[in-house]
Protein backbone atom coordinates (compact mmCIF):
# COMPACT_ATOMS: atom_id res chain seq x y z
CA MET A 1 -16.83 -12.52 2.52
CA ALA A 2 -12.98 -11.36 2.21
CA GLU A 3 -11.70 -15.07 1.74
CA ALA A 4 -14.54 -15.64 -1.43
CA VAL A 5 -13.61 -12.38 -2.98
CA GLN A 6 -9.83 -13.23 -2.59
CA GLN A 7 -9.93 -16.42 -4.30
CA SER A 8 -12.46 -15.59 -7.07
CA PHE A 9 -10.12 -12.32 -7.48
CA PHE A 10 -6.96 -14.33 -8.00
CA ASP A 11 -8.98 -17.02 -10.11
CA ARG A 12 -10.24 -14.40 -12.41
CA ALA A 13 -6.57 -12.98 -12.44
CA LEU A 14 -5.07 -16.13 -13.62
CA ASN A 15 -7.15 -16.75 -16.22
CA ASN A 16 -7.22 -13.00 -17.69
CA LEU A 17 -3.33 -13.30 -17.77
CA SER A 18 -3.35 -16.94 -19.62
CA GLY A 19 -5.74 -15.79 -21.96
CA ALA A 20 -4.22 -12.41 -23.00
CA TRP A 21 -0.68 -14.60 -23.59
CA ARG A 22 -2.68 -17.23 -25.46
CA GLU A 23 -3.69 -14.16 -27.95
CA VAL A 24 -0.10 -13.11 -27.81
CA ALA A 25 1.42 -15.99 -28.95
CA ALA A 26 -1.09 -17.23 -31.37
CA SER A 27 -0.92 -13.72 -32.96
CA ALA A 28 2.76 -13.82 -33.18
CA ALA A 29 2.86 -17.55 -34.33
CA ARG A 30 0.35 -16.69 -37.31
CA SER A 31 2.98 -13.17 -38.50
CA VAL A 32 5.79 -15.77 -38.90
CA GLY A 33 4.64 -18.89 -39.87
CA MET A 34 5.04 -20.84 -36.55
CA THR A 35 3.08 -23.87 -35.47
CA LEU A 36 2.64 -23.85 -31.63
CA GLU A 37 2.13 -27.25 -29.51
CA ASP A 38 1.48 -27.65 -25.81
CA PRO A 39 4.32 -29.48 -24.11
CA GLY A 40 2.45 -30.47 -20.84
CA ALA A 41 4.85 -31.53 -18.23
CA ASP A 42 7.41 -33.03 -20.60
CA PRO A 43 10.78 -32.37 -19.24
CA GLU A 44 12.09 -32.12 -22.79
CA ALA A 45 9.41 -30.78 -24.56
CA LEU A 46 9.72 -27.66 -21.86
CA ARG A 47 13.50 -28.05 -22.15
CA THR A 48 13.23 -27.38 -26.03
CA MET A 49 10.75 -24.64 -25.57
CA MET A 50 12.86 -22.96 -23.32
CA ARG A 51 15.90 -23.73 -25.66
CA ASP A 52 14.07 -22.05 -28.57
CA CYS A 53 13.38 -18.67 -26.40
CA LEU A 54 16.71 -18.35 -25.88
CA GLU A 55 18.04 -18.70 -29.63
CA ALA A 56 15.31 -16.33 -30.57
CA ARG A 57 15.02 -17.50 -34.21
CA GLY A 58 12.57 -15.48 -36.52
CA GLY A 59 13.50 -12.20 -34.83
CA GLU A 60 11.40 -10.32 -32.33
CA VAL A 61 8.19 -11.43 -33.53
CA SER A 62 8.53 -15.15 -32.94
CA ALA A 63 10.54 -14.56 -29.67
CA ARG A 64 7.48 -12.40 -28.27
CA ALA A 65 5.64 -15.58 -29.66
CA ARG A 66 7.90 -18.26 -28.12
CA ALA A 67 8.24 -16.31 -24.52
CA ALA A 68 4.05 -15.83 -24.34
CA GLU A 69 3.72 -19.74 -25.18
CA LEU A 70 6.44 -20.83 -22.67
CA GLY A 71 4.23 -18.46 -19.77
CA GLN A 72 1.23 -19.89 -20.71
CA THR A 73 2.39 -23.27 -20.38
CA TYR A 74 3.85 -22.45 -17.36
CA LEU A 75 0.16 -21.25 -16.05
CA LYS A 76 -1.43 -24.29 -17.05
CA LEU A 77 0.73 -26.84 -15.26
CA ASP A 78 -0.15 -28.05 -11.85
CA PRO A 79 2.25 -27.69 -8.66
CA ALA A 80 4.35 -31.01 -9.75
CA GLY A 81 4.42 -29.33 -13.40
CA ARG A 82 5.39 -25.83 -12.28
CA ASN A 83 8.14 -27.71 -9.85
CA LEU A 84 9.79 -29.46 -12.78
CA PHE A 85 9.63 -26.36 -14.93
CA LEU A 86 11.48 -24.21 -12.23
CA ARG A 87 13.63 -26.90 -11.91
CA LEU A 88 14.68 -27.20 -15.54
CA LEU A 89 15.60 -23.34 -14.90
CA ALA A 90 17.67 -23.98 -12.31
CA GLU A 91 19.56 -26.85 -13.17
CA ASP A 92 19.92 -26.72 -17.05
CA PHE A 93 20.01 -23.39 -17.52
CA ALA A 94 22.51 -22.23 -14.59
CA ALA A 95 25.64 -20.40 -16.07
CA ASP A 96 28.26 -22.73 -17.68
CA ARG A 97 30.89 -23.76 -15.49
CA GLU A 98 33.48 -24.74 -17.94
CA ALA A 99 32.99 -21.18 -19.41
CA VAL A 100 33.68 -19.61 -16.11
CA ASP A 101 36.86 -21.34 -15.31
CA LYS A 102 38.66 -20.53 -18.58
CA ALA A 103 37.48 -17.06 -18.17
CA SER A 104 38.55 -16.93 -14.91
CA ALA A 105 41.95 -18.43 -15.80
CA ARG A 106 42.08 -15.82 -18.50
CA LEU A 107 41.81 -13.30 -16.01
CA ALA A 108 44.09 -14.63 -13.73
CA GLU A 109 46.56 -14.57 -16.51
CA ALA A 110 46.13 -11.03 -18.01
CA GLY A 111 48.89 -8.68 -18.34
CA GLU A 112 48.27 -5.16 -19.82
CA ASP A 113 45.51 -3.16 -18.60
CA SER A 114 43.54 -3.57 -22.14
CA GLU A 115 43.86 -7.49 -21.84
CA ARG A 116 42.68 -7.30 -18.25
CA GLN A 117 39.54 -5.35 -19.43
CA ALA A 118 38.94 -7.80 -22.09
CA ALA A 119 39.28 -10.62 -19.47
CA GLU A 120 36.85 -9.27 -17.16
CA ARG A 121 34.11 -8.61 -19.28
CA ALA A 122 34.37 -11.75 -20.70
CA LEU A 123 34.06 -13.00 -16.93
CA ARG A 124 31.27 -11.07 -15.96
CA ARG A 125 29.39 -12.68 -19.55
CA ALA A 126 29.94 -16.14 -18.38
CA LEU A 127 28.84 -15.43 -15.20
CA VAL A 128 25.27 -14.50 -16.47
CA PRO A 129 23.50 -17.76 -16.36
CA PRO A 130 21.49 -18.33 -19.95
CA ARG A 131 18.10 -18.07 -17.62
CA VAL A 132 18.59 -14.72 -17.40
CA LYS A 133 18.13 -13.73 -20.64
CA LEU A 134 15.18 -16.11 -20.73
CA LEU A 135 13.04 -14.57 -17.59
CA THR A 136 14.16 -10.99 -19.21
CA GLN A 137 12.16 -11.69 -21.89
CA PHE A 138 8.90 -11.89 -20.33
CA ASN A 139 9.39 -8.41 -19.51
CA GLY A 140 8.02 -7.29 -22.90
CA LEU A 141 5.08 -8.99 -22.40
CA PRO A 142 1.93 -7.81 -21.07
CA GLU A 143 1.63 -8.48 -17.13
CA GLY A 144 4.96 -10.11 -18.10
CA VAL A 145 6.34 -8.48 -14.95
CA LYS A 146 3.73 -9.55 -12.86
CA PHE A 147 4.09 -13.11 -13.77
CA LEU A 148 8.02 -13.05 -13.15
CA ALA A 149 6.94 -11.98 -9.62
CA ASP A 150 4.55 -14.84 -9.05
CA LEU A 151 6.80 -17.02 -10.47
CA ARG A 152 9.39 -15.97 -7.71
CA ALA A 153 6.40 -16.66 -5.20
CA ASP A 154 5.87 -20.22 -6.66
CA LEU A 155 9.57 -20.97 -5.90
CA LEU A 156 9.76 -19.30 -2.66
CA ALA A 157 7.05 -21.51 -1.70
CA THR A 158 9.26 -24.84 -2.77
CA LEU A 159 12.81 -23.62 -2.12
CA GLY A 160 14.32 -25.32 0.79
CA ASP A 161 18.22 -25.87 1.10
CA ASP A 162 18.40 -26.73 -2.81
CA PRO A 163 21.24 -24.89 -4.13
CA ALA A 164 20.32 -24.96 -7.94
CA LEU A 165 16.82 -23.08 -6.53
CA LYS A 166 18.52 -20.76 -4.19
CA ALA A 167 20.56 -19.79 -7.38
CA LEU A 168 17.65 -19.62 -9.42
CA ASP A 169 15.80 -17.15 -6.38
CA GLU A 170 18.82 -15.08 -6.67
CA ASP A 171 19.03 -14.26 -10.12
CA LEU A 172 15.33 -13.38 -10.10
CA TYR A 173 15.68 -11.66 -7.01
CA GLU A 174 18.37 -9.13 -8.58
CA LEU A 175 16.16 -9.00 -11.74
CA LEU A 176 13.18 -7.78 -9.60
CA SER A 177 14.96 -5.51 -7.25
CA SER A 178 16.63 -3.70 -10.21
CA TRP A 179 13.42 -3.45 -11.65
CA PHE A 180 11.35 -2.21 -8.59
CA ASP A 181 13.68 0.38 -7.27
CA THR A 182 11.77 3.11 -5.65
CA GLY A 183 12.77 5.71 -8.24
CA PHE A 184 10.35 3.97 -10.46
CA LEU A 185 7.44 3.96 -8.14
CA ASP A 186 4.41 6.20 -8.02
CA LEU A 187 2.17 6.83 -4.81
CA GLU A 188 -1.27 6.96 -5.46
CA ALA A 189 -4.27 7.73 -2.94
CA ILE A 190 -7.07 5.53 -3.01
CA ASP A 191 -10.86 5.85 -2.10
CA TRP A 192 -13.92 4.75 -2.67
CA ASN A 193 -14.10 6.05 -6.18
CA SER A 194 -11.44 4.00 -7.02
CA SER A 195 -11.68 1.37 -9.55
CA ALA A 196 -13.93 -1.41 -8.17
CA ALA A 197 -11.03 -4.05 -9.33
CA LEU A 198 -8.48 -2.20 -7.25
CA LEU A 199 -10.98 -1.86 -4.11
CA GLU A 200 -11.32 -5.70 -4.81
CA LYS A 201 -7.58 -5.69 -4.52
CA LEU A 202 -7.38 -4.03 -1.09
CA ILE A 203 -9.39 -6.86 0.47
CA ALA A 204 -7.71 -9.54 -1.39
CA TYR A 205 -4.21 -8.23 -0.28
CA GLU A 206 -5.26 -6.72 3.34
CA ALA A 207 -2.67 -8.35 5.83
CA VAL A 208 -2.82 -7.03 9.17
CA HIS A 209 -6.83 -6.75 9.82
CA GLU A 210 -9.01 -8.55 7.28
CA ILE A 211 -11.49 -6.26 5.58
CA ARG A 212 -14.70 -8.14 6.09
CA ASP A 213 -16.75 -6.91 3.34
CA PHE A 214 -17.54 -3.76 1.06
CA TYR A 215 -19.03 -1.52 4.18
CA ASP A 216 -16.02 -2.72 6.20
CA LEU A 217 -13.73 -1.05 3.28
CA ARG A 218 -16.24 1.97 2.71
CA ASN A 219 -15.44 2.79 6.44
CA ARG A 220 -11.74 2.44 5.90
CA LEU A 221 -12.31 5.23 3.21
CA ASP A 222 -14.64 7.69 4.57
CA SER A 223 -13.27 11.25 5.04
CA ASP A 224 -11.75 10.81 8.20
CA ARG A 225 -9.51 8.15 6.82
CA ARG A 226 -6.79 8.21 4.04
CA CYS A 227 -5.17 4.70 1.65
CA TYR A 228 -1.96 5.05 -0.11
CA ALA A 229 -0.45 2.56 -2.42
CA LEU A 230 2.74 2.08 -4.63
CA PHE A 231 2.69 1.06 -8.26
CA HIS A 232 4.97 0.64 -10.88
CA PRO A 233 4.72 1.54 -14.28
CA ARG A 234 5.03 -2.31 -15.66
CA MET A 235 2.06 -2.94 -13.20
CA PRO A 236 -0.41 -0.36 -13.20
CA ASN A 237 -3.04 -2.43 -12.08
CA GLU A 238 -1.28 -4.34 -9.25
CA PRO A 239 -0.50 -2.23 -5.69
CA LEU A 240 2.82 -3.21 -4.80
CA ALA A 241 2.14 -1.96 -1.18
CA PHE A 242 -0.44 0.12 0.68
CA VAL A 243 -1.19 1.93 3.90
CA GLU A 244 -4.38 2.44 5.57
CA VAL A 245 -4.36 6.03 7.83
CA ALA A 246 -6.93 7.39 10.21
CA LEU A 247 -7.01 10.83 10.99
CA VAL A 248 -7.61 11.14 14.80
CA LYS A 249 -6.84 13.54 17.93
CA GLY A 250 -4.00 12.06 20.00
CA LEU A 251 -2.47 8.51 19.57
CA ALA A 252 -5.05 5.53 19.27
CA GLY A 253 -4.76 2.94 21.57
CA SER A 254 -7.45 0.61 20.45
CA ILE A 255 -8.05 -1.23 16.40
CA GLN A 256 -11.34 -2.16 17.69
CA ALA A 257 -12.38 1.81 18.01
CA LEU A 258 -10.56 2.88 15.06
CA LEU A 259 -12.09 0.39 13.07
CA ASP A 260 -15.93 0.49 14.48
CA GLU A 261 -17.93 0.82 11.45
CA GLU A 262 -20.89 2.54 13.99
CA ALA A 263 -18.45 5.39 15.57
CA PRO A 264 -19.29 8.98 14.72
CA GLN A 265 -17.15 10.26 11.95
CA ASP A 266 -14.10 12.59 13.07
CA ASP A 267 -13.71 15.94 10.64
CA PRO A 268 -10.28 15.59 9.21
CA LYS A 269 -9.48 19.11 10.02
CA SER A 270 -9.50 18.62 13.33
CA ALA A 271 -7.26 15.79 13.77
CA ASP A 272 -3.79 16.19 14.59
CA THR A 273 -2.49 12.96 14.07
CA ALA A 274 -2.13 10.28 11.47
CA ILE A 275 -2.26 7.07 12.66
CA PHE A 276 -1.16 4.08 10.44
CA TYR A 277 -2.57 0.93 10.87
CA SER A 278 -2.27 -1.31 8.54
CA ILE A 279 0.58 -1.64 5.97
CA SER A 280 0.57 -4.60 3.86
CA ASN A 281 3.07 -6.13 1.04
CA THR A 282 1.05 -7.32 -1.73
CA GLN A 283 3.53 -9.50 -3.83
CA LYS A 284 4.95 -12.67 -2.39
CA GLY A 285 7.17 -12.72 -5.19
CA LEU A 286 8.90 -9.54 -4.08
CA LYS A 287 9.69 -10.63 -0.62
CA GLY A 288 13.20 -8.87 0.54
CA ILE A 289 12.46 -5.92 -1.64
CA SER A 290 11.46 -3.45 0.76
CA PHE A 291 8.60 -0.91 -0.11
CA GLY A 292 7.35 -0.26 3.23
CA GLU A 293 9.66 2.27 4.52
CA TYR A 294 9.68 4.40 1.09
CA LEU A 295 5.56 4.17 1.35
CA ILE A 296 5.54 5.71 4.96
CA LYS A 297 8.32 8.49 4.11
CA MET A 298 6.15 9.39 1.02
CA VAL A 299 2.89 9.82 3.09
CA VAL A 300 4.33 11.53 5.84
CA ARG A 301 5.52 13.83 2.95
CA HIS A 302 2.29 14.10 1.49
CA LEU A 303 0.68 14.48 4.10
CA SER A 304 2.59 17.16 5.88
CA GLU A 305 2.15 19.07 3.03
CA SER A 306 -1.45 18.49 2.36
CA MET A 307 -2.44 18.74 6.20
CA PRO A 308 -0.61 21.11 7.96
CA GLY A 309 -2.88 20.28 11.11
CA ILE A 310 -1.32 17.26 11.27
CA LYS A 311 1.51 16.88 14.03
CA THR A 312 2.25 13.52 15.00
CA TYR A 313 2.79 10.36 12.81
CA ALA A 314 2.38 7.01 14.51
CA THR A 315 1.38 3.82 14.30
CA LEU A 316 -0.97 1.33 15.81
CA SER A 317 0.76 -2.07 15.35
CA PRO A 318 0.80 -5.64 16.30
CA VAL A 319 3.33 -7.66 18.39
CA PRO A 320 3.12 -11.01 16.44
CA GLY A 321 6.07 -12.71 18.22
CA PHE A 322 5.12 -11.84 21.85
CA ARG A 323 3.10 -14.95 22.89
CA ARG A 324 5.52 -17.03 21.19
CA TRP A 325 8.12 -15.69 23.41
CA LEU A 326 6.01 -15.50 26.40
CA ALA A 327 5.47 -19.22 26.22
CA GLY A 328 9.03 -20.30 25.82
CA LEU A 329 10.01 -17.86 28.87
CA PRO A 330 12.02 -20.03 31.13
CA ALA A 331 10.03 -19.60 35.15
CA GLU A 332 12.92 -18.03 36.46
CA GLU A 333 12.84 -15.18 34.10
CA LEU A 334 9.14 -15.00 34.25
CA ASN A 335 8.77 -14.82 37.76
CA GLY A 336 11.92 -12.65 38.17
CA VAL A 337 9.30 -9.64 36.32
CA LEU A 338 6.59 -10.60 38.65
CA SER A 339 5.89 -9.85 42.36
CA VAL A 340 5.22 -12.12 44.52
CA GLU A 341 1.32 -10.85 45.17
CA GLU A 342 1.51 -10.71 41.38
CA ARG A 343 2.59 -14.67 41.05
CA GLY A 344 0.10 -15.63 44.06
CA GLY A 345 -2.51 -14.38 42.09
CA ILE A 346 -2.06 -15.36 38.83
CA ARG A 347 -1.40 -18.98 40.71
CA ALA A 348 -4.78 -18.40 42.19
CA LEU A 349 -6.78 -17.76 38.99
CA GLY A 350 -4.91 -20.49 36.78
CA GLY A 351 -5.31 -23.17 39.19
CA SER A 352 -2.06 -24.38 39.58
CA ASP A 353 1.15 -24.06 41.45
CA SER A 354 3.16 -23.08 38.25
CA THR A 355 3.40 -19.20 37.56
CA THR A 356 4.29 -20.63 34.00
CA GLU A 357 1.12 -23.25 33.68
CA SER A 358 -1.34 -20.63 35.43
CA LEU A 359 -0.58 -17.91 32.85
CA ALA A 360 -0.76 -19.97 29.99
CA ALA A 361 -3.57 -21.60 31.24
CA LEU A 362 -5.39 -17.88 31.66
CA LEU A 363 -4.43 -16.38 28.36
CA GLU A 364 -5.88 -19.59 26.76
CA ARG A 365 -9.07 -18.94 27.96
CA ALA A 366 -11.34 -17.99 24.96
CA ASP A 367 -13.41 -15.38 27.65
CA TRP A 368 -10.53 -14.13 29.87
CA ILE A 369 -10.87 -10.41 28.78
CA ARG A 370 -14.32 -10.38 30.02
CA ASP A 371 -13.80 -11.43 33.18
CA PRO A 372 -12.73 -8.00 35.35
CA VAL A 373 -10.67 -9.97 37.84
CA ILE A 374 -8.49 -11.53 35.53
CA VAL A 375 -7.89 -8.24 33.55
CA LYS A 376 -7.02 -6.47 36.38
CA ALA A 377 -4.50 -9.38 37.92
CA LEU A 378 -2.51 -9.43 34.30
CA GLU A 379 -2.59 -6.01 33.00
CA GLU A 380 0.63 -4.65 35.15
CA PRO A 381 2.51 -8.11 34.62
CA LEU A 382 1.65 -8.36 30.92
CA LEU A 383 2.65 -4.75 30.29
CA ARG A 384 6.16 -5.46 31.82
CA LEU A 385 6.69 -8.40 30.28
CA ILE A 386 5.52 -7.33 26.81
CA ALA A 387 8.40 -4.16 27.67
CA LYS A 388 11.13 -6.64 28.57
CA TYR A 389 10.06 -8.89 24.88
CA PHE A 390 11.28 -5.60 23.44
CA THR A 391 14.51 -5.80 24.88
CA VAL A 392 15.55 -9.22 23.59
CA LYS A 393 17.32 -9.56 20.79
CA ARG A 394 18.60 -12.08 18.05
CA GLU A 395 21.99 -13.14 17.86
CA ASP A 396 22.61 -10.24 14.94
CA GLY A 397 21.43 -7.75 17.51
CA GLN A 398 17.85 -6.78 16.30
CA PRO A 399 15.10 -7.13 18.15
CA ILE A 400 13.25 -10.47 18.04
CA ASP A 401 9.99 -8.61 16.94
CA PRO A 402 9.59 -8.24 13.01
CA VAL A 403 7.37 -5.51 13.17
CA ALA A 404 9.73 -4.00 15.52
CA ARG A 405 12.68 -4.44 13.31
CA PHE A 406 10.73 -2.40 10.31
CA HIS A 407 10.06 0.18 12.37
CA LEU A 408 13.10 0.59 14.23
CA ARG A 409 15.15 0.65 11.28
CA ASN A 410 13.04 3.20 9.55
CA GLY A 411 13.91 5.42 11.97
CA ALA A 412 10.65 5.41 14.59
CA ARG A 413 10.63 5.19 18.07
CA LEU A 414 8.61 2.49 20.45
CA GLU A 415 6.48 5.28 21.83
CA ARG A 416 3.53 3.45 24.12
CA LEU A 417 2.21 0.05 24.81
CA ASN A 418 -1.47 -0.48 24.65
CA TRP A 419 -3.44 -2.96 26.64
CA LEU A 420 -6.13 -5.06 25.35
CA ALA A 421 -5.63 -2.61 21.91
CA ASP A 422 -6.87 -5.89 19.84
CA VAL A 423 -9.34 -7.93 21.27
CA SER A 424 -9.98 -10.55 18.05
CA GLY A 425 -8.89 -13.43 18.03
CA LYS A 426 -5.86 -12.93 16.06
CA GLY A 427 -4.84 -10.21 18.65
CA LEU A 428 -5.55 -12.28 21.55
CA LYS A 429 -3.62 -15.28 20.01
CA GLN A 430 -0.64 -13.27 19.41
CA ALA A 431 0.02 -10.95 21.49
CA ALA A 432 -2.84 -11.05 24.32
CA GLY A 433 -4.56 -8.51 23.07
CA MET A 434 -1.63 -5.90 23.29
CA MET A 435 -0.82 -3.56 20.26
CA VAL A 436 1.71 -0.69 20.43
CA ASN A 437 2.67 2.42 18.65
CA TYR A 438 5.86 3.58 16.98
CA ARG A 439 6.14 7.17 16.43
CA TYR A 440 7.87 8.95 13.50
CA VAL A 441 9.33 12.30 14.91
CA PRO A 442 10.62 13.82 11.51
CA ASP A 443 13.75 15.62 13.57
CA GLU A 444 14.43 12.24 15.51
CA VAL A 445 14.30 9.78 12.44
CA GLU A 446 17.52 9.97 11.06
CA ARG A 447 19.30 9.66 14.01
CA ASN A 448 17.39 6.75 15.65
CA HIS A 449 17.83 5.32 12.57
CA GLU A 450 21.62 5.64 12.22
CA ALA A 451 21.74 4.32 16.13
CA TYR A 452 19.55 1.30 15.33
CA VAL A 453 21.91 0.43 12.17
CA ALA A 454 25.11 1.07 13.96
CA LYS A 455 24.42 -0.10 17.44
CA GLY A 456 21.33 -1.74 17.45
CA THR A 457 19.87 0.85 19.81
CA VAL A 458 16.27 0.71 20.18
CA ALA A 459 14.57 4.60 20.26
CA MET A 460 12.23 4.22 22.93
CA SER A 461 10.22 6.97 24.60
CA ALA A 462 10.65 7.92 28.36
CA GLU A 463 7.47 5.61 29.40
CA VAL A 464 8.17 2.33 27.91
CA ARG A 465 11.87 2.96 28.55
CA SER A 466 10.64 3.13 32.56
CA MET A 467 8.46 0.11 32.09
CA ALA A 468 11.15 -1.67 30.47
CA ARG A 469 13.38 -0.87 33.02
CA ARG A 470 10.79 -1.82 36.00
CA ALA A 471 10.85 -5.19 34.58
CA ARG A 472 14.56 -5.58 34.63
CA ASP A 473 15.35 -4.08 37.93
CA GLY A 474 12.04 -5.99 39.29
CA GLY A 475 13.83 -9.32 38.88
CA SER A 476 17.02 -7.99 40.09
CA THR A 477 15.55 -6.68 43.31
CA LEU A 478 13.55 -10.08 43.86
CA ARG A 479 16.89 -12.10 43.12
CA ARG A 480 18.28 -10.05 45.78
CA LEU A 481 15.65 -10.36 48.19
CA GLY A 482 15.30 -13.98 47.59
CA LEU A 483 11.60 -14.10 46.49
CA ALA A 484 12.10 -15.08 43.04
CA ALA A 485 12.76 -18.48 43.52
CA GLY A 486 8.84 -19.55 43.48
CA ARG A 487 7.45 -21.67 40.63
């Protein structure tokens, strides 16, 4: 259901945009006596259209017509044609190197302040590629900003290591990031009475826990639930990011329980905790422009003012990289975290003399969570291993888990590890069913953020820190006793 809704939504949106621009182009063309032609994927014809847009002959009306025609042409192209379009922008409408060199030389030779300032202005103008002016023209069209975001999404999908395409991406990113500054964004609550089109977009854009159907969606918008989204004035019908919130008592430790449509409805007035269980960015073309941090802070502020009974703000978050990390963990490190008894139990249940192979075999079983013996044998070892996982860092000093990087940079602390918190196929594949709570404590957020940015410090609750210490010290103790050498 969700996949079908998503596909029909995107197809309809594309058709509507193409139709709107066709009317804009035709209307403007009639007013200035222009003739519109379809260039298809012919390189020279596309190049001519782009040049015509840049020359802006005939004034604002004709410029609007040409931009709409160019945009409509792009929307009708197949993937190969769109790649050609992007490459023409990247290569034929880049900055003029000769002009840049001349402006640089003039700046180097400048003497007096006035001469230097004039040379600096000339250099700045020379460094701006013609394509930036062309791309900016779409800003004045209906849904033009959305078009540019989607254009960048197409570009990111084919970017690779091509320097020309990377330069085009940088130009698009700079334009979009300036237009989507948080100062321009509005926070809006979404509920069951919101427009059908907007509710349909929630289903299409949900990226963490799939919304199966409208019954599932209604459950997520019930009286003990909240949903908030960020909007931009130039994209009033498109949420940029949205967060789903559950109003509960205490920290939530199971996503299935939280989303259970048959569970009794809680009284939101008795809730003391707001659980952010899904945060989704909706526009692939706005990658690198962070909305989540601002969204969470705005929602916390809103809830603290409207629901003073809420004292705790936390997430129930996935751990998308844990199983992948575990699969690559050297046998010595794995054995160092486990006791002799735990290794022996895992090998016996997994049917191999190798702890690594046995653990992998157990986790690959589709029904292992329904076997109480396996569940008991894996619980303590995997909780220690996931605690260790959160202490591992990349070369740049940041945690290897992407969700952890987001929340820790945002000032949250790693509060609790939850065993079998997501027993869906996705949850088992990503993190052996485990999820974590990140907690936002208002008095600690700034301090945690500064410590993370300056030193890479991972803020942890005493409970998680103790678990991480046991994972580390247990291995050291076993090695000292000569017991960690097994397979």
